[in-house]
Structures are given as structure tokens and as C-alpha cells.
Amino acid sequence: MSQESDSDPLTESKAQLRKVFKDRRRSLDDEVRRTCHSAIANHLEILLAAGNGLNNLAVYFSSPDEVDLAAWIDSAWSAGKHLYAPVIVQVTGQMDFYPINATTKIERGRFNLRKPVLDDGAVPALPENLDAVLLPLVSFDTRGGRLGMGGGFYDRYFADSATRPWMIGVAYNIQHSEHRLPAQPWDIPLDALVTESGYRIFAAQHSADLKE
């Protein structure tokens, strides 16, 4: 499994779709975003409450135009959740998740992404110790397909289905693809999705109904 190659026709299709959906996401104004973030936080709390024992959660620090989870993260700490944030290792290009709390300092890392400042001797979480992963995405379809940024970090880290936690996509409705997204064998689908309209669990029958 590797990063996508520019010479691959499937990769070219994904690149075109990324531009379309990133432009859509970028078109949202600040007021709409704030309203969406509040609704997404509420739906996410309901979804997680429905899943007993989802206490160890991998989160992300949003890049521009992505759904911002900052307010929800504060409430999750208050509710006693244990949170972990991704760190991309400069040398190997691999991703690990490290514990964070309200006093954790944040800095810019690889690709100018925000990441926690690690203490000496900090130990990353093991995939099998995470209950769920909240991950940003560029687009999603009604079958749980997801289109990421193309780096393949989540697909590599959670490649082993035996230790994979629940994969929960976080997005705006405007990122929905009416057509099935192109996928490669190693692309990990979503188990659930949260938008401002509600949440969706992708069961075997691939239900397309949002639950409010």
C-alpha cells in the first residue's frame, strides 16, 4: 500500500473529485460553518452515547475548511473521554496517535498540520486500544465510501481489520457524492458518518437514511 501515483487513471479521477468537493467545502461561509459545527457536535454525542464503551477516541485538529471539532473536544474531556491526536513522523511518514488533554500544547508539524507537542517518553496508543476514530474527509457516498486527501495515512495505520476501531467520518452535507466514489482495495470504508443533518451507520445493507 502506498500513496497514490499520479499516473494511475483512478488516482486522476480521485484528484478531480477532490478539487470539486474541496471547492464545495470552501464555499461555506463562516456563519453557516458555526451552525454546522454545533449541530455536528450534538449528533456526534448522540452517536457515541449509543455505542456503549466508546471512551478512547482518536480525533483530529482541523485544517482550513474541515469540520472544526474544538468545541466538541472540550465537552468530550468534560464527559471523561480519553482523546488521542495524530502525529505524522517526519522521517518515516507514518502516523501515530498520542494522548492529549486540555493542557496539551499544539504546534505545526509535517504538511503544516497541527499536532500535539510530545513530552519526552510519550507513548502512542495501539490501534486495538482505540474504540473509535473521528476522521476528516473530502467526500463521502451513501455506501460508506470516503475520499481523503490522498496521503493514505489512515489506510496504512488501520490496515489490519482485526484491530481496527470504529471509523467515523465527520463532514458537511455539501461533501456528499451522489455517485459511488472510486476506491482501491486498501481504502478503508466508514462505519459511520456525522454531518449537520444527523448521523448514519453503514450496516451491511448500506442504509442511506440519516438518523436524527
N, C-alpha and C. Protein backbone atom coordinates (compact mmCIF):
# COMPACT_ATOMS: atom_id res chain seq x y z
N MET A 1 0.84 -1.18 0.00
CA MET A 1 0.00 0.00 0.00
C MET A 1 0.88 1.24 0.00
N SER A 2 0.58 2.16 -0.85
CA SER A 2 1.41 3.35 -0.95
C SER A 2 0.54 4.55 -1.26
N GLN A 3 1.18 5.70 -1.27
CA GLN A 3 0.45 6.88 -1.67
C GLN A 3 0.06 6.76 -3.14
N GLU A 4 -0.97 7.49 -3.52
CA GLU A 4 -1.47 7.37 -4.88
C GLU A 4 -0.45 7.88 -5.89
N SER A 5 -0.38 7.21 -7.02
CA SER A 5 0.52 7.61 -8.10
C SER A 5 -0.22 8.47 -9.11
N ASP A 6 0.41 9.56 -9.52
CA ASP A 6 -0.24 10.48 -10.44
C ASP A 6 -0.53 9.85 -11.80
N SER A 7 0.16 8.75 -12.14
CA SER A 7 -0.01 8.13 -13.44
C SER A 7 -1.18 7.16 -13.47
N ASP A 8 -1.79 6.90 -12.33
CA ASP A 8 -2.89 5.95 -12.23
C ASP A 8 -4.20 6.66 -12.61
N PRO A 9 -4.95 6.13 -13.61
CA PRO A 9 -6.22 6.76 -14.01
C PRO A 9 -7.19 6.93 -12.85
N LEU A 10 -7.22 5.94 -11.93
CA LEU A 10 -8.09 6.04 -10.78
C LEU A 10 -7.66 7.20 -9.89
N THR A 11 -6.36 7.38 -9.77
CA THR A 11 -5.84 8.48 -8.98
C THR A 11 -6.20 9.82 -9.61
N GLU A 12 -6.14 9.88 -10.94
CA GLU A 12 -6.52 11.12 -11.63
C GLU A 12 -7.98 11.43 -11.39
N SER A 13 -8.84 10.40 -11.38
CA SER A 13 -10.26 10.60 -11.09
C SER A 13 -10.45 11.12 -9.68
N LYS A 14 -9.72 10.53 -8.74
CA LYS A 14 -9.81 10.99 -7.35
C LYS A 14 -9.36 12.44 -7.22
N ALA A 15 -8.30 12.79 -7.93
CA ALA A 15 -7.79 14.15 -7.86
C ALA A 15 -8.82 15.15 -8.37
N GLN A 16 -9.51 14.79 -9.43
CA GLN A 16 -10.56 15.67 -9.97
C GLN A 16 -11.71 15.82 -8.98
N LEU A 17 -12.08 14.71 -8.35
CA LEU A 17 -13.16 14.76 -7.37
C LEU A 17 -12.75 15.58 -6.15
N ARG A 18 -11.50 15.44 -5.75
CA ARG A 18 -11.03 16.24 -4.60
C ARG A 18 -11.19 17.73 -4.87
N LYS A 19 -10.85 18.15 -6.07
CA LYS A 19 -10.97 19.57 -6.39
C LYS A 19 -12.43 20.02 -6.31
N VAL A 20 -13.33 19.20 -6.85
CA VAL A 20 -14.76 19.55 -6.86
C VAL A 20 -15.27 19.70 -5.43
N PHE A 21 -14.98 18.71 -4.58
CA PHE A 21 -15.55 18.72 -3.24
C PHE A 21 -14.81 19.67 -2.30
N LYS A 22 -13.54 19.89 -2.53
CA LYS A 22 -12.84 20.90 -1.74
C LYS A 22 -13.36 22.29 -2.07
N ASP A 23 -13.69 22.52 -3.32
CA ASP A 23 -14.28 23.82 -3.71
C ASP A 23 -15.65 23.98 -3.06
N ARG A 24 -16.43 22.91 -3.03
CA ARG A 24 -17.75 22.98 -2.38
C ARG A 24 -17.59 23.30 -0.90
N ARG A 25 -16.70 22.61 -0.25
CA ARG A 25 -16.47 22.80 1.18
C ARG A 25 -15.99 24.22 1.47
N ARG A 26 -15.15 24.72 0.60
CA ARG A 26 -14.59 26.07 0.77
C ARG A 26 -15.66 27.15 0.60
N SER A 27 -16.74 26.81 -0.10
CA SER A 27 -17.77 27.80 -0.41
C SER A 27 -18.64 28.16 0.79
N LEU A 28 -18.59 27.39 1.86
CA LEU A 28 -19.40 27.66 3.04
C LEU A 28 -18.91 28.92 3.75
N ASP A 29 -19.84 29.78 4.15
CA ASP A 29 -19.41 30.98 4.87
C ASP A 29 -19.30 30.67 6.36
N ASP A 30 -18.68 31.59 7.09
CA ASP A 30 -18.35 31.34 8.50
C ASP A 30 -19.58 31.11 9.36
N GLU A 31 -20.65 31.84 9.11
CA GLU A 31 -21.86 31.68 9.93
C GLU A 31 -22.47 30.30 9.74
N VAL A 32 -22.50 29.85 8.48
CA VAL A 32 -23.02 28.51 8.20
C VAL A 32 -22.15 27.46 8.87
N ARG A 33 -20.84 27.64 8.81
CA ARG A 33 -19.93 26.69 9.44
C ARG A 33 -20.19 26.58 10.94
N ARG A 34 -20.34 27.72 11.61
CA ARG A 34 -20.56 27.70 13.05
C ARG A 34 -21.85 26.95 13.39
N THR A 35 -22.88 27.17 12.61
CA THR A 35 -24.14 26.46 12.83
C THR A 35 -23.96 24.96 12.61
N CYS A 36 -23.24 24.61 11.56
CA CYS A 36 -22.97 23.19 11.27
C CYS A 36 -22.17 22.54 12.39
N HIS A 37 -21.15 23.24 12.88
CA HIS A 37 -20.30 22.66 13.92
C HIS A 37 -21.09 22.35 15.17
N SER A 38 -22.00 23.23 15.53
CA SER A 38 -22.83 22.99 16.71
C SER A 38 -23.73 21.77 16.51
N ALA A 39 -24.35 21.67 15.34
CA ALA A 39 -25.23 20.53 15.05
C ALA A 39 -24.43 19.23 14.99
N ILE A 40 -23.27 19.27 14.36
CA ILE A 40 -22.43 18.07 14.25
C ILE A 40 -22.01 17.58 15.64
N ALA A 41 -21.65 18.51 16.53
CA ALA A 41 -21.25 18.14 17.88
C ALA A 41 -22.40 17.44 18.61
N ASN A 42 -23.61 17.94 18.44
CA ASN A 42 -24.77 17.33 19.09
C ASN A 42 -25.03 15.92 18.56
N HIS A 43 -24.99 15.77 17.24
CA HIS A 43 -25.23 14.45 16.65
C HIS A 43 -24.13 13.46 17.01
N LEU A 44 -22.90 13.96 17.10
CA LEU A 44 -21.78 13.09 17.45
C LEU A 44 -21.93 12.58 18.88
N GLU A 45 -22.38 13.42 19.78
CA GLU A 45 -22.59 12.99 21.16
C GLU A 45 -23.65 11.90 21.23
N ILE A 46 -24.73 12.06 20.45
CA ILE A 46 -25.79 11.05 20.44
C ILE A 46 -25.28 9.73 19.88
N LEU A 47 -24.53 9.81 18.80
CA LEU A 47 -23.98 8.59 18.18
C LEU A 47 -23.06 7.85 19.14
N LEU A 48 -22.16 8.59 19.79
CA LEU A 48 -21.21 7.95 20.69
C LEU A 48 -21.91 7.39 21.92
N ALA A 49 -22.96 8.06 22.38
CA ALA A 49 -23.70 7.57 23.54
C ALA A 49 -24.40 6.25 23.21
N ALA A 50 -24.78 6.09 21.93
CA ALA A 50 -25.45 4.86 21.51
C ALA A 50 -24.50 3.68 21.46
N GLY A 51 -23.20 3.97 21.34
CA GLY A 51 -22.21 2.90 21.31
C GLY A 51 -21.57 2.74 22.67
N ASN A 52 -22.02 1.77 23.43
CA ASN A 52 -21.51 1.57 24.79
C ASN A 52 -20.01 1.33 24.80
N GLY A 53 -19.31 2.02 25.68
CA GLY A 53 -17.88 1.78 25.84
C GLY A 53 -16.99 2.51 24.87
N LEU A 54 -17.52 3.49 24.13
CA LEU A 54 -16.69 4.27 23.20
C LEU A 54 -16.06 5.43 23.96
N ASN A 55 -15.00 5.13 24.68
CA ASN A 55 -14.37 6.14 25.55
C ASN A 55 -12.98 6.57 25.09
N ASN A 56 -12.30 5.72 24.34
CA ASN A 56 -10.96 6.05 23.85
C ASN A 56 -11.08 6.42 22.38
N LEU A 57 -10.99 7.72 22.11
CA LEU A 57 -11.33 8.24 20.79
C LEU A 57 -10.16 8.96 20.15
N ALA A 58 -9.87 8.61 18.91
CA ALA A 58 -8.89 9.36 18.12
C ALA A 58 -9.62 10.52 17.46
N VAL A 59 -9.06 11.72 17.57
CA VAL A 59 -9.67 12.91 16.99
C VAL A 59 -8.68 13.54 16.01
N TYR A 60 -9.00 14.72 15.51
CA TYR A 60 -8.09 15.43 14.62
C TYR A 60 -8.20 16.92 14.89
N PHE A 61 -7.14 17.65 14.56
CA PHE A 61 -7.16 19.11 14.62
C PHE A 61 -7.43 19.59 13.19
N SER A 62 -8.51 20.31 13.01
CA SER A 62 -8.96 20.64 11.66
C SER A 62 -8.00 21.54 10.91
N SER A 63 -7.90 21.29 9.62
CA SER A 63 -7.24 22.19 8.68
C SER A 63 -8.30 23.17 8.17
N PRO A 64 -7.89 24.26 7.50
CA PRO A 64 -8.88 25.19 6.96
C PRO A 64 -9.93 24.46 6.10
N ASP A 65 -11.19 24.80 6.33
CA ASP A 65 -12.35 24.28 5.59
C ASP A 65 -12.86 22.95 6.11
N GLU A 66 -12.10 22.23 6.94
CA GLU A 66 -12.60 20.99 7.53
C GLU A 66 -13.53 21.30 8.70
N VAL A 67 -14.36 20.35 9.06
CA VAL A 67 -15.22 20.49 10.23
C VAL A 67 -14.34 20.66 11.47
N ASP A 68 -14.60 21.72 12.23
CA ASP A 68 -13.81 22.01 13.43
C ASP A 68 -14.46 21.34 14.64
N LEU A 69 -13.71 20.46 15.30
CA LEU A 69 -14.23 19.72 16.45
C LEU A 69 -13.83 20.34 17.79
N ALA A 70 -13.26 21.54 17.78
CA ALA A 70 -12.70 22.12 19.00
C ALA A 70 -13.70 22.17 20.15
N ALA A 71 -14.90 22.68 19.91
CA ALA A 71 -15.90 22.79 20.97
C ALA A 71 -16.32 21.40 21.46
N TRP A 72 -16.49 20.46 20.53
CA TRP A 72 -16.86 19.12 20.94
C TRP A 72 -15.76 18.47 21.76
N ILE A 73 -14.51 18.70 21.40
CA ILE A 73 -13.38 18.12 22.13
C ILE A 73 -13.41 18.57 23.58
N ASP A 74 -13.68 19.83 23.83
CA ASP A 74 -13.76 20.33 25.20
C ASP A 74 -14.86 19.61 25.98
N SER A 75 -16.01 19.41 25.35
CA SER A 75 -17.11 18.72 26.03
C SER A 75 -16.79 17.24 26.25
N ALA A 76 -16.02 16.65 25.33
CA ALA A 76 -15.65 15.24 25.48
C ALA A 76 -14.75 15.05 26.69
N TRP A 77 -13.81 15.96 26.88
CA TRP A 77 -12.97 15.88 28.08
C TRP A 77 -13.81 16.00 29.33
N SER A 78 -14.76 16.92 29.32
CA SER A 78 -15.64 17.12 30.49
C SER A 78 -16.44 15.85 30.78
N ALA A 79 -16.75 15.09 29.74
CA ALA A 79 -17.52 13.86 29.89
C ALA A 79 -16.64 12.67 30.24
N GLY A 80 -15.34 12.89 30.40
CA GLY A 80 -14.44 11.82 30.80
C GLY A 80 -13.89 10.98 29.66
N LYS A 81 -14.02 11.45 28.42
CA LYS A 81 -13.47 10.70 27.30
C LYS A 81 -11.94 10.84 27.27
N HIS A 82 -11.28 9.80 26.78
CA HIS A 82 -9.83 9.84 26.58
C HIS A 82 -9.57 10.07 25.10
N LEU A 83 -8.86 11.16 24.78
CA LEU A 83 -8.69 11.56 23.39
C LEU A 83 -7.23 11.41 22.95
N TYR A 84 -7.09 11.12 21.66
CA TYR A 84 -5.77 10.92 21.07
C TYR A 84 -5.72 11.67 19.73
N ALA A 85 -4.60 12.31 19.46
CA ALA A 85 -4.47 13.10 18.23
C ALA A 85 -3.35 12.53 17.35
N PRO A 86 -3.49 12.65 16.03
CA PRO A 86 -2.48 12.08 15.13
C PRO A 86 -1.21 12.91 15.04
N VAL A 87 -0.10 12.20 14.91
CA VAL A 87 1.21 12.81 14.69
C VAL A 87 1.86 12.06 13.55
N ILE A 88 2.23 12.77 12.50
CA ILE A 88 2.91 12.15 11.36
C ILE A 88 4.41 12.25 11.59
N VAL A 89 5.07 11.11 11.60
CA VAL A 89 6.50 11.06 11.86
C VAL A 89 7.25 11.60 10.64
N GLN A 90 8.11 12.60 10.87
CA GLN A 90 8.81 13.26 9.77
C GLN A 90 9.63 12.30 8.93
N VAL A 91 10.34 11.38 9.58
CA VAL A 91 11.29 10.54 8.85
C VAL A 91 10.59 9.44 8.06
N THR A 92 9.67 8.74 8.70
CA THR A 92 9.07 7.57 8.06
C THR A 92 7.77 7.88 7.33
N GLY A 93 7.15 9.00 7.65
CA GLY A 93 5.87 9.32 7.02
C GLY A 93 4.73 8.50 7.57
N GLN A 94 4.96 7.83 8.71
CA GLN A 94 3.91 7.05 9.35
C GLN A 94 3.15 7.92 10.34
N MET A 95 1.96 7.48 10.71
CA MET A 95 1.12 8.21 11.65
C MET A 95 0.93 7.41 12.92
N ASP A 96 0.99 8.10 14.06
CA ASP A 96 0.67 7.51 15.35
C ASP A 96 -0.30 8.44 16.07
N PHE A 97 -0.97 7.91 17.08
CA PHE A 97 -1.91 8.70 17.87
C PHE A 97 -1.42 8.80 19.31
N TYR A 98 -1.34 10.03 19.82
CA TYR A 98 -0.84 10.28 21.17
C TYR A 98 -1.93 10.91 22.03
N PRO A 99 -1.93 10.59 23.33
CA PRO A 99 -2.94 11.15 24.22
C PRO A 99 -2.82 12.66 24.34
N ILE A 100 -3.96 13.33 24.41
CA ILE A 100 -3.99 14.78 24.59
C ILE A 100 -4.98 15.11 25.70
N ASN A 101 -4.78 16.27 26.34
CA ASN A 101 -5.72 16.76 27.34
C ASN A 101 -5.82 18.27 27.20
N ALA A 102 -6.55 18.90 28.09
CA ALA A 102 -6.83 20.32 27.96
C ALA A 102 -5.58 21.19 28.08
N THR A 103 -4.51 20.66 28.63
CA THR A 103 -3.28 21.44 28.80
C THR A 103 -2.22 21.13 27.73
N THR A 104 -2.54 20.22 26.82
CA THR A 104 -1.58 19.84 25.79
C THR A 104 -1.29 21.02 24.86
N LYS A 105 -0.01 21.29 24.64
CA LYS A 105 0.37 22.36 23.72
C LYS A 105 0.33 21.85 22.28
N ILE A 106 -0.01 22.75 21.37
CA ILE A 106 -0.16 22.38 19.96
C ILE A 106 0.87 23.14 19.12
N GLU A 107 1.44 22.45 18.12
CA GLU A 107 2.39 23.08 17.22
C GLU A 107 2.10 22.63 15.79
N ARG A 108 2.79 23.24 14.84
CA ARG A 108 2.66 22.84 13.44
C ARG A 108 3.68 21.74 13.13
N GLY A 109 3.21 20.70 12.45
CA GLY A 109 4.10 19.61 12.09
C GLY A 109 4.19 19.43 10.59
N ARG A 110 4.38 18.20 10.17
CA ARG A 110 4.51 17.90 8.75
C ARG A 110 3.26 18.32 7.99
N PHE A 111 3.43 18.82 6.78
CA PHE A 111 2.34 19.33 5.94
C PHE A 111 1.63 20.52 6.59
N ASN A 112 2.30 21.14 7.56
CA ASN A 112 1.75 22.29 8.29
C ASN A 112 0.49 21.93 9.09
N LEU A 113 0.35 20.65 9.41
CA LEU A 113 -0.79 20.20 10.20
C LEU A 113 -0.53 20.43 11.68
N ARG A 114 -1.59 20.78 12.41
CA ARG A 114 -1.44 20.96 13.85
C ARG A 114 -1.30 19.60 14.53
N LYS A 115 -0.44 19.55 15.53
CA LYS A 115 -0.21 18.30 16.26
C LYS A 115 0.17 18.61 17.70
N PRO A 116 0.00 17.66 18.60
CA PRO A 116 0.39 17.89 19.98
C PRO A 116 1.91 17.93 20.15
N VAL A 117 2.37 18.75 21.08
CA VAL A 117 3.78 18.75 21.46
C VAL A 117 3.98 17.56 22.39
N LEU A 118 4.87 16.67 22.03
CA LEU A 118 5.05 15.43 22.77
C LEU A 118 6.06 15.59 23.90
N ASP A 119 5.71 15.06 25.07
CA ASP A 119 6.65 15.02 26.18
C ASP A 119 7.69 13.95 25.92
N ASP A 120 8.84 14.08 26.56
CA ASP A 120 9.85 13.04 26.46
C ASP A 120 9.27 11.72 26.96
N GLY A 121 9.45 10.69 26.20
CA GLY A 121 8.95 9.39 26.60
C GLY A 121 7.48 9.16 26.30
N ALA A 122 6.85 10.07 25.54
CA ALA A 122 5.43 9.90 25.19
C ALA A 122 5.24 8.60 24.42
N VAL A 123 4.21 7.88 24.76
CA VAL A 123 3.94 6.58 24.15
C VAL A 123 2.64 6.65 23.35
N PRO A 124 2.67 6.28 22.08
CA PRO A 124 1.44 6.32 21.27
C PRO A 124 0.48 5.21 21.65
N ALA A 125 -0.77 5.42 21.32
CA ALA A 125 -1.78 4.38 21.54
C ALA A 125 -1.61 3.27 20.51
N LEU A 126 -2.06 2.09 20.86
CA LEU A 126 -2.11 0.99 19.91
C LEU A 126 -3.48 1.00 19.24
N PRO A 127 -3.55 0.64 17.97
CA PRO A 127 -4.86 0.64 17.28
C PRO A 127 -5.93 -0.12 18.05
N GLU A 128 -5.54 -1.24 18.66
CA GLU A 128 -6.53 -2.06 19.36
C GLU A 128 -7.03 -1.43 20.65
N ASN A 129 -6.34 -0.37 21.11
CA ASN A 129 -6.79 0.32 22.32
C ASN A 129 -7.70 1.51 22.03
N LEU A 130 -7.92 1.79 20.76
CA LEU A 130 -8.84 2.86 20.37
C LEU A 130 -10.22 2.27 20.11
N ASP A 131 -11.25 2.94 20.61
CA ASP A 131 -12.61 2.47 20.41
C ASP A 131 -13.21 3.01 19.11
N ALA A 132 -12.85 4.25 18.77
CA ALA A 132 -13.39 4.87 17.56
C ALA A 132 -12.43 5.94 17.08
N VAL A 133 -12.50 6.22 15.80
CA VAL A 133 -11.66 7.25 15.17
C VAL A 133 -12.57 8.25 14.48
N LEU A 134 -12.41 9.52 14.80
CA LEU A 134 -13.12 10.59 14.10
C LEU A 134 -12.17 11.13 13.05
N LEU A 135 -12.53 11.01 11.79
CA LEU A 135 -11.61 11.41 10.75
C LEU A 135 -12.26 12.36 9.77
N PRO A 136 -11.50 13.37 9.35
CA PRO A 136 -12.00 14.31 8.34
C PRO A 136 -11.96 13.65 6.97
N LEU A 137 -12.67 14.21 6.03
CA LEU A 137 -12.66 13.66 4.68
C LEU A 137 -13.02 14.74 3.68
N VAL A 138 -12.77 14.46 2.42
CA VAL A 138 -13.09 15.39 1.35
C VAL A 138 -14.48 15.12 0.81
N SER A 139 -14.85 13.84 0.72
CA SER A 139 -16.19 13.48 0.24
C SER A 139 -16.58 12.12 0.79
N PHE A 140 -17.88 11.83 0.77
CA PHE A 140 -18.41 10.54 1.20
C PHE A 140 -19.57 10.16 0.29
N ASP A 141 -19.86 8.86 0.21
CA ASP A 141 -21.02 8.42 -0.55
C ASP A 141 -21.97 7.64 0.36
N THR A 142 -23.07 7.16 -0.20
CA THR A 142 -24.11 6.53 0.62
C THR A 142 -23.77 5.11 1.03
N ARG A 143 -22.64 4.58 0.59
CA ARG A 143 -22.24 3.22 0.94
C ARG A 143 -21.10 3.19 1.95
N GLY A 144 -20.71 4.35 2.44
CA GLY A 144 -19.61 4.40 3.39
C GLY A 144 -18.26 4.63 2.73
N GLY A 145 -18.26 4.85 1.43
CA GLY A 145 -17.01 5.19 0.76
C GLY A 145 -16.55 6.58 1.16
N ARG A 146 -15.26 6.76 1.25
CA ARG A 146 -14.71 8.05 1.66
C ARG A 146 -13.58 8.45 0.74
N LEU A 147 -13.45 9.74 0.54
CA LEU A 147 -12.35 10.29 -0.25
C LEU A 147 -11.56 11.19 0.68
N GLY A 148 -10.30 10.81 0.92
CA GLY A 148 -9.44 11.60 1.78
C GLY A 148 -8.54 12.51 0.96
N MET A 149 -7.47 12.97 1.59
CA MET A 149 -6.56 13.90 0.93
C MET A 149 -5.55 13.20 0.03
N GLY A 150 -5.47 11.88 0.11
CA GLY A 150 -4.59 11.14 -0.80
C GLY A 150 -3.29 10.67 -0.18
N GLY A 151 -3.04 11.00 1.09
CA GLY A 151 -1.79 10.58 1.72
C GLY A 151 -1.80 9.13 2.16
N GLY A 152 -2.97 8.57 2.39
CA GLY A 152 -3.08 7.17 2.78
C GLY A 152 -2.72 6.87 4.22
N PHE A 153 -2.60 7.90 5.08
CA PHE A 153 -2.14 7.69 6.46
C PHE A 153 -3.11 6.81 7.25
N TYR A 154 -4.40 7.12 7.17
CA TYR A 154 -5.38 6.33 7.92
C TYR A 154 -5.46 4.91 7.36
N ASP A 155 -5.39 4.77 6.05
CA ASP A 155 -5.47 3.44 5.44
C ASP A 155 -4.29 2.56 5.86
N ARG A 156 -3.11 3.15 5.96
CA ARG A 156 -1.94 2.38 6.39
C ARG A 156 -2.02 2.02 7.87
N TYR A 157 -2.37 3.02 8.68
CA TYR A 157 -2.35 2.80 10.13
C TYR A 157 -3.39 1.77 10.56
N PHE A 158 -4.56 1.80 9.94
CA PHE A 158 -5.64 0.91 10.33
C PHE A 158 -5.85 -0.22 9.32
N ALA A 159 -4.78 -0.63 8.67
CA ALA A 159 -4.89 -1.65 7.62
C ALA A 159 -5.36 -3.00 8.16
N ASP A 160 -5.02 -3.32 9.41
CA ASP A 160 -5.39 -4.61 9.99
C ASP A 160 -6.83 -4.54 10.51
N SER A 161 -7.74 -5.19 9.82
CA SER A 161 -9.16 -5.13 10.21
C SER A 161 -9.41 -5.76 11.58
N ALA A 162 -8.51 -6.64 12.01
CA ALA A 162 -8.70 -7.32 13.30
C ALA A 162 -8.53 -6.36 14.47
N THR A 163 -7.76 -5.30 14.29
CA THR A 163 -7.52 -4.34 15.38
C THR A 163 -8.12 -2.98 15.08
N ARG A 164 -8.88 -2.87 14.03
CA ARG A 164 -9.41 -1.58 13.59
C ARG A 164 -10.59 -1.14 14.45
N PRO A 165 -10.55 0.08 14.97
CA PRO A 165 -11.69 0.61 15.72
C PRO A 165 -12.79 1.07 14.78
N TRP A 166 -13.84 1.61 15.35
CA TRP A 166 -14.94 2.15 14.57
C TRP A 166 -14.48 3.39 13.84
N MET A 167 -14.67 3.46 12.53
CA MET A 167 -14.23 4.60 11.73
C MET A 167 -15.41 5.52 11.46
N ILE A 168 -15.38 6.71 12.06
CA ILE A 168 -16.48 7.66 11.96
C ILE A 168 -16.05 8.89 11.18
N GLY A 169 -16.62 9.08 10.02
CA GLY A 169 -16.32 10.26 9.21
C GLY A 169 -17.06 11.48 9.74
N VAL A 170 -16.43 12.65 9.61
CA VAL A 170 -17.04 13.91 10.04
C VAL A 170 -16.99 14.86 8.85
N ALA A 171 -18.15 15.36 8.43
CA ALA A 171 -18.19 16.16 7.21
C ALA A 171 -19.43 17.05 7.18
N TYR A 172 -19.46 17.94 6.20
CA TYR A 172 -20.64 18.75 5.92
C TYR A 172 -21.49 18.02 4.87
N ASN A 173 -22.80 18.28 4.89
CA ASN A 173 -23.68 17.67 3.89
C ASN A 173 -23.21 17.95 2.46
N ILE A 174 -22.65 19.13 2.25
CA ILE A 174 -22.25 19.55 0.91
C ILE A 174 -21.15 18.66 0.33
N GLN A 175 -20.53 17.83 1.17
CA GLN A 175 -19.47 16.94 0.72
C GLN A 175 -20.00 15.59 0.23
N HIS A 176 -21.31 15.42 0.24
CA HIS A 176 -21.90 14.16 -0.18
C HIS A 176 -21.78 13.98 -1.69
N SER A 177 -21.32 12.80 -2.10
CA SER A 177 -21.25 12.44 -3.51
C SER A 177 -22.46 11.59 -3.86
N GLU A 178 -23.21 12.01 -4.87
CA GLU A 178 -24.38 11.24 -5.29
C GLU A 178 -23.99 9.94 -5.98
N HIS A 179 -22.77 9.88 -6.46
CA HIS A 179 -22.28 8.68 -7.13
C HIS A 179 -21.27 7.97 -6.23
N ARG A 180 -21.14 6.67 -6.43
CA ARG A 180 -20.20 5.89 -5.64
C ARG A 180 -18.78 6.39 -5.91
N LEU A 181 -18.04 6.64 -4.87
CA LEU A 181 -16.68 7.15 -5.02
C LEU A 181 -15.74 6.04 -5.47
N PRO A 182 -14.75 6.38 -6.29
CA PRO A 182 -13.77 5.37 -6.70
C PRO A 182 -12.94 4.92 -5.50
N ALA A 183 -12.61 3.66 -5.47
CA ALA A 183 -11.86 3.13 -4.33
C ALA A 183 -10.86 2.09 -4.78
N GLN A 184 -9.76 2.02 -4.03
CA GLN A 184 -8.75 0.98 -4.25
C GLN A 184 -8.88 -0.06 -3.15
N PRO A 185 -8.31 -1.25 -3.33
CA PRO A 185 -8.53 -2.34 -2.37
C PRO A 185 -8.17 -1.99 -0.93
N TRP A 186 -7.19 -1.11 -0.74
CA TRP A 186 -6.75 -0.78 0.62
C TRP A 186 -7.51 0.38 1.25
N ASP A 187 -8.41 1.01 0.50
CA ASP A 187 -9.18 2.13 1.04
C ASP A 187 -10.16 1.62 2.09
N ILE A 188 -10.06 2.16 3.30
CA ILE A 188 -10.91 1.72 4.40
C ILE A 188 -12.23 2.50 4.37
N PRO A 189 -13.36 1.80 4.32
CA PRO A 189 -14.65 2.49 4.31
C PRO A 189 -15.03 2.98 5.71
N LEU A 190 -16.06 3.80 5.77
CA LEU A 190 -16.55 4.32 7.04
C LEU A 190 -17.53 3.33 7.68
N ASP A 191 -17.50 3.28 9.00
CA ASP A 191 -18.53 2.55 9.73
C ASP A 191 -19.71 3.45 10.05
N ALA A 192 -19.43 4.75 10.16
CA ALA A 192 -20.49 5.71 10.46
C ALA A 192 -20.07 7.08 9.94
N LEU A 193 -21.04 7.96 9.87
CA LEU A 193 -20.79 9.32 9.38
C LEU A 193 -21.65 10.29 10.17
N VAL A 194 -21.07 11.47 10.47
CA VAL A 194 -21.82 12.52 11.15
C VAL A 194 -21.74 13.79 10.30
N THR A 195 -22.89 14.40 10.04
CA THR A 195 -22.97 15.70 9.37
C THR A 195 -23.90 16.58 10.19
N GLU A 196 -24.14 17.79 9.70
CA GLU A 196 -25.05 18.69 10.41
C GLU A 196 -26.50 18.19 10.40
N SER A 197 -26.83 17.25 9.51
CA SER A 197 -28.20 16.73 9.43
C SER A 197 -28.47 15.58 10.37
N GLY A 198 -27.42 14.93 10.83
CA GLY A 198 -27.60 13.78 11.70
C GLY A 198 -26.45 12.82 11.56
N TYR A 199 -26.70 11.55 11.88
CA TYR A 199 -25.66 10.54 11.72
C TYR A 199 -26.19 9.35 10.95
N ARG A 200 -25.27 8.63 10.37
CA ARG A 200 -25.61 7.46 9.56
C ARG A 200 -24.66 6.34 9.97
N ILE A 201 -25.21 5.16 10.18
CA ILE A 201 -24.40 3.97 10.44
C ILE A 201 -24.48 3.09 9.20
N PHE A 202 -23.33 2.72 8.68
CA PHE A 202 -23.30 1.93 7.45
C PHE A 202 -23.33 0.45 7.81
N ALA A 203 -24.54 -0.09 7.90
CA ALA A 203 -24.72 -1.50 8.20
C ALA A 203 -24.52 -2.31 6.93
N ALA A 204 -24.72 -3.61 7.04
CA ALA A 204 -24.48 -4.49 5.89
C ALA A 204 -25.37 -4.11 4.71
N GLN A 205 -26.56 -3.60 5.01
CA GLN A 205 -27.46 -3.26 3.93
C GLN A 205 -27.16 -1.88 3.35
N HIS A 206 -26.14 -1.20 3.91
CA HIS A 206 -25.75 0.13 3.41
C HIS A 206 -26.92 1.09 3.43
N SER A 207 -27.52 1.25 4.58
CA SER A 207 -28.65 2.16 4.73
C SER A 207 -28.24 3.58 4.37
N ALA A 208 -29.12 4.29 3.66
CA ALA A 208 -28.82 5.65 3.27
C ALA A 208 -29.58 6.67 4.10
N ASP A 209 -30.27 6.21 5.13
CA ASP A 209 -31.09 7.12 5.92
C ASP A 209 -30.29 7.75 7.05
N LEU A 210 -30.38 9.07 7.18
CA LEU A 210 -29.77 9.76 8.31
C LEU A 210 -30.69 9.65 9.51
N LYS A 211 -30.11 9.41 10.67
CA LYS A 211 -30.88 9.33 11.89
C LYS A 211 -30.72 10.64 12.64
N GLU A 212 -31.80 11.19 13.12
CA GLU A 212 -31.74 12.49 13.79
C GLU A 212 -31.85 12.31 15.28
